[in-house]
């Protein structure tokens, strides 16, 4: 805010900004999955996102996390590409190479982690297309290039059950070829 309570610029960092304002606005849009895959989102989020096309058109400038989101804004909402800047999200400072400590063994044991693995970390829900990742791991196994996939995080119980079924259908061993850690403590993530 400027002097005397005057707002120089409003930056909505998570899909929201005033519908009408006397000051310039910048709106960050992370993705348009609510628009493209509404069935994968709870109804309160679907209702809230109905305003997003108008908010995007009214904003002076938009920030997208990825080129894909930029393309979706142009294609789905008709936003001019020159009004959208792509700024990729950065990792926090805690994500850096770490020296081994005895704590690492405790964490590896707690989450049943092998020495080497492919990590997928995030919310487990249908919009993340984790079945494609599991099928890719099955294909690697069939090609003689076995890798262990660690899926870390929690989420939709139905999506998780479907993933367990797919793991077995792909000829992969749960707990060996694919490890599901469940929820990971924030302090253990790095």
Protein backbone atom coordinates (compact mmCIF):
# COMPACT_ATOMS: atom_id res chain seq x y z
CA UNK A 1 0.00 0.00 0.00
CA UNK A 2 1.12 3.53 -0.70
CA UNK A 3 0.99 6.51 1.64
CA UNK A 4 -2.24 7.30 3.45
CA UNK A 5 -3.82 3.91 2.77
CA UNK A 6 -3.70 4.35 -1.02
CA UNK A 7 -3.18 1.03 -2.83
CA UNK A 8 -0.57 1.24 -5.59
CA UNK A 9 -0.91 -2.36 -6.77
CA UNK A 10 -2.82 -5.46 -5.68
CA UNK A 11 -1.26 -8.89 -6.28
CA UNK A 12 -3.64 -11.82 -5.88
CA UNK A 13 -1.32 -14.78 -5.33
CA UNK A 14 -3.88 -17.57 -5.35
CA UNK A 15 -6.57 -17.02 -7.99
CA UNK A 16 -8.23 -14.09 -6.25
CA UNK A 17 -8.37 -10.35 -6.84
CA UNK A 18 -11.06 -7.67 -6.54
CA UNK A 19 -13.64 -7.90 -9.33
CA UNK A 20 -13.62 -4.13 -9.73
CA UNK A 21 -11.01 -1.76 -8.41
CA UNK A 22 -9.55 1.70 -8.92
CA UNK A 23 -6.02 0.32 -8.60
CA UNK A 24 -4.04 -2.00 -10.88
CA UNK A 25 -4.07 -5.71 -10.16
CA UNK A 26 -1.81 -8.64 -10.93
CA UNK A 27 -3.29 -12.10 -10.60
CA UNK A 28 -1.34 -15.36 -10.21
CA UNK A 29 -3.00 -18.42 -11.75
CA UNK A 30 -1.44 -21.76 -10.87
CA UNK A 31 -3.50 -23.93 -13.23
CA UNK A 32 -6.95 -24.25 -14.80
CA UNK A 33 -7.72 -27.77 -13.62
CA UNK A 34 -10.91 -26.60 -11.93
CA UNK A 35 -12.14 -25.37 -15.33
CA UNK A 36 -10.89 -28.37 -17.34
CA UNK A 37 -11.49 -31.17 -14.82
CA UNK A 38 -14.20 -29.93 -12.43
CA UNK A 39 -15.07 -33.46 -11.32
CA UNK A 40 -11.68 -33.65 -9.58
CA UNK A 41 -12.37 -30.68 -7.29
CA UNK A 42 -14.75 -30.16 -4.37
CA UNK A 43 -17.86 -28.09 -5.14
CA UNK A 44 -16.86 -25.03 -3.03
CA UNK A 45 -13.71 -24.65 -5.14
CA UNK A 46 -15.71 -25.10 -8.37
CA UNK A 47 -18.13 -22.37 -7.29
CA UNK A 48 -15.32 -19.98 -6.29
CA UNK A 49 -13.52 -20.50 -9.60
CA UNK A 50 -16.56 -19.45 -11.64
CA UNK A 51 -15.33 -15.88 -11.18
CA UNK A 52 -11.84 -16.66 -12.47
CA UNK A 53 -12.42 -15.86 -16.17
CA UNK A 54 -13.73 -12.40 -15.25
CA UNK A 55 -10.92 -11.82 -12.75
CA UNK A 56 -8.38 -12.75 -15.42
CA UNK A 57 -9.90 -10.41 -17.98
CA UNK A 58 -10.07 -7.53 -15.46
CA UNK A 59 -6.51 -7.95 -14.13
CA UNK A 60 -3.87 -5.67 -15.57
CA UNK A 61 -1.41 -8.53 -15.79
CA UNK A 62 -1.36 -12.28 -15.10
CA UNK A 63 1.37 -14.54 -13.74
CA UNK A 64 1.32 -18.25 -14.63
CA UNK A 65 3.47 -20.92 -12.97
CA UNK A 66 4.17 -22.68 -16.27
CA UNK A 67 4.03 -22.35 -20.04
CA UNK A 68 1.20 -24.89 -19.99
CA UNK A 69 -0.92 -22.69 -17.71
CA UNK A 70 -0.13 -19.71 -19.95
CA UNK A 71 -1.36 -21.65 -23.00
CA UNK A 72 -4.49 -22.73 -21.10
CA UNK A 73 -5.28 -19.11 -20.17
CA UNK A 74 -5.02 -18.11 -23.82
CA UNK A 75 -7.00 -21.11 -25.10
CA UNK A 76 -9.69 -21.41 -22.43
CA UNK A 77 -10.24 -17.79 -21.38
CA UNK A 78 -9.13 -15.89 -24.49
CA UNK A 79 -6.48 -13.91 -22.61
CA UNK A 80 -3.92 -12.15 -24.79
CA UNK A 81 -0.53 -13.87 -24.44
CA UNK A 82 1.26 -10.55 -23.95
CA UNK A 83 -0.67 -10.03 -20.68
CA UNK A 84 0.72 -13.24 -19.15
CA UNK A 85 4.19 -13.63 -17.65
CA UNK A 86 5.46 -17.12 -16.81
CA UNK A 87 7.28 -17.21 -13.49
CA UNK A 88 8.17 -20.72 -12.34
CA UNK A 89 7.85 -21.60 -8.68
CA UNK A 90 11.13 -21.96 -6.81
CA UNK A 91 12.11 -24.52 -4.22
CA UNK A 92 12.49 -23.35 -0.64
CA UNK A 93 15.97 -22.85 0.76
CA UNK A 94 15.60 -26.08 2.80
CA UNK A 95 15.82 -28.08 -0.45
CA UNK A 96 19.56 -28.37 -1.02
CA UNK A 97 22.13 -31.15 -0.92
CA UNK A 98 22.50 -32.31 2.67
CA UNK A 99 25.33 -34.06 4.46
CA UNK A 100 24.45 -37.50 5.82
CA UNK A 101 23.29 -37.59 9.43
CA UNK A 102 21.98 -40.49 11.56
CA UNK A 103 18.54 -38.87 11.14
CA UNK A 104 18.55 -39.95 7.49
CA UNK A 105 18.45 -43.62 8.49
CA UNK A 106 15.46 -42.97 10.75
CA UNK A 107 13.63 -41.20 7.89
CA UNK A 108 14.51 -43.96 5.38
CA UNK A 109 13.25 -46.59 7.79
CA UNK A 110 10.08 -44.67 8.67
CA UNK A 111 9.02 -44.36 5.01
CA UNK A 112 10.54 -47.68 3.80
CA UNK A 113 12.81 -45.90 1.31
CA UNK A 114 15.33 -47.85 -0.78
CA UNK A 115 18.82 -46.54 -1.54
CA UNK A 116 17.76 -45.09 -4.90
CA UNK A 117 14.29 -44.22 -6.14
CA UNK A 118 12.14 -42.04 -8.34
CA UNK A 119 10.12 -39.69 -6.15
CA UNK A 120 6.65 -38.36 -6.79
CA UNK A 121 5.58 -36.04 -4.01
CA UNK A 122 2.22 -34.32 -3.66
CA UNK A 123 -1.46 -34.71 -3.07
CA UNK A 124 -2.82 -38.00 -4.35
CA UNK A 125 -5.82 -37.18 -6.48
CA UNK A 126 -7.10 -38.01 -9.92
CA UNK A 127 -5.97 -34.79 -11.61
CA UNK A 128 -2.28 -35.61 -11.03
CA UNK A 129 -2.38 -38.46 -13.59
CA UNK A 130 -0.41 -40.82 -11.36
CA UNK A 131 -1.68 -43.85 -13.33
CA UNK A 132 0.48 -42.71 -16.26
CA UNK A 133 3.52 -42.64 -13.96
CA UNK A 134 2.75 -46.14 -12.63
CA UNK A 135 2.32 -47.47 -16.19
CA UNK A 136 5.68 -45.88 -17.14
CA UNK A 137 7.34 -47.65 -14.20
CA UNK A 138 5.76 -50.92 -15.35
CA UNK A 139 7.13 -50.34 -18.84
CA UNK A 140 10.62 -49.69 -17.44
CA UNK A 141 10.40 -52.97 -15.51
CA UNK A 142 9.38 -54.85 -18.68
CA UNK A 143 12.30 -53.25 -20.57
CA UNK A 144 14.70 -54.56 -17.94
CA UNK A 145 15.33 -51.15 -16.40
CA UNK A 146 13.80 -51.60 -12.95
CA UNK A 147 13.40 -48.56 -10.77
CA UNK A 148 11.60 -48.12 -7.47
CA UNK A 149 8.89 -45.48 -7.49
CA UNK A 150 8.14 -43.75 -4.19
CA UNK A 151 4.77 -42.00 -4.11
CA UNK A 152 4.79 -39.68 -1.12
CA UNK A 153 1.73 -37.89 0.15
CA UNK A 154 -1.87 -38.52 1.02
CA UNK A 155 -5.19 -37.71 -0.55
CA UNK A 156 -8.23 -39.27 -2.17
CA UNK A 157 -8.74 -42.82 -0.78
CA UNK A 158 -10.43 -43.95 -4.00
CA UNK A 159 -7.53 -42.70 -6.15
CA UNK A 160 -5.08 -44.48 -3.83
CA UNK A 161 -7.02 -47.76 -4.05
CA UNK A 162 -7.08 -47.49 -7.85
CA UNK A 163 -3.31 -46.92 -7.87
CA UNK A 164 -2.73 -50.02 -5.73
CA UNK A 165 -4.80 -52.04 -8.21
CA UNK A 166 -2.89 -50.60 -11.17
CA UNK A 167 0.46 -51.37 -9.53
CA UNK A 168 -0.50 -55.05 -9.33
CA UNK A 169 -1.91 -55.03 -12.90
CA UNK A 170 1.43 -53.70 -14.13
CA UNK A 171 3.23 -56.65 -12.53
CA UNK A 172 4.85 -54.39 -9.94
CA UNK A 173 5.27 -55.34 -6.30
CA UNK A 174 3.67 -52.95 -3.79
CA UNK A 175 6.22 -51.98 -1.15
CA UNK A 176 9.09 -53.04 -3.40
CA UNK A 177 8.68 -51.61 -6.92
CA UNK A 178 6.23 -48.95 -5.76
CA UNK A 179 6.30 -47.60 -2.22
CA UNK A 180 3.41 -45.53 -0.89
CA UNK A 181 4.61 -43.51 2.10
CA UNK A 182 1.34 -41.87 3.07
CA UNK A 183 1.55 -38.45 4.70
CA UNK A 184 5.11 -37.19 5.18
CA UNK A 185 6.04 -34.98 8.13
CA UNK A 186 6.97 -31.48 6.93
CA UNK A 187 10.35 -31.68 8.67
CA UNK A 188 11.14 -34.93 6.80
CA UNK A 189 10.42 -33.61 3.31
CA UNK A 190 13.87 -32.15 2.54
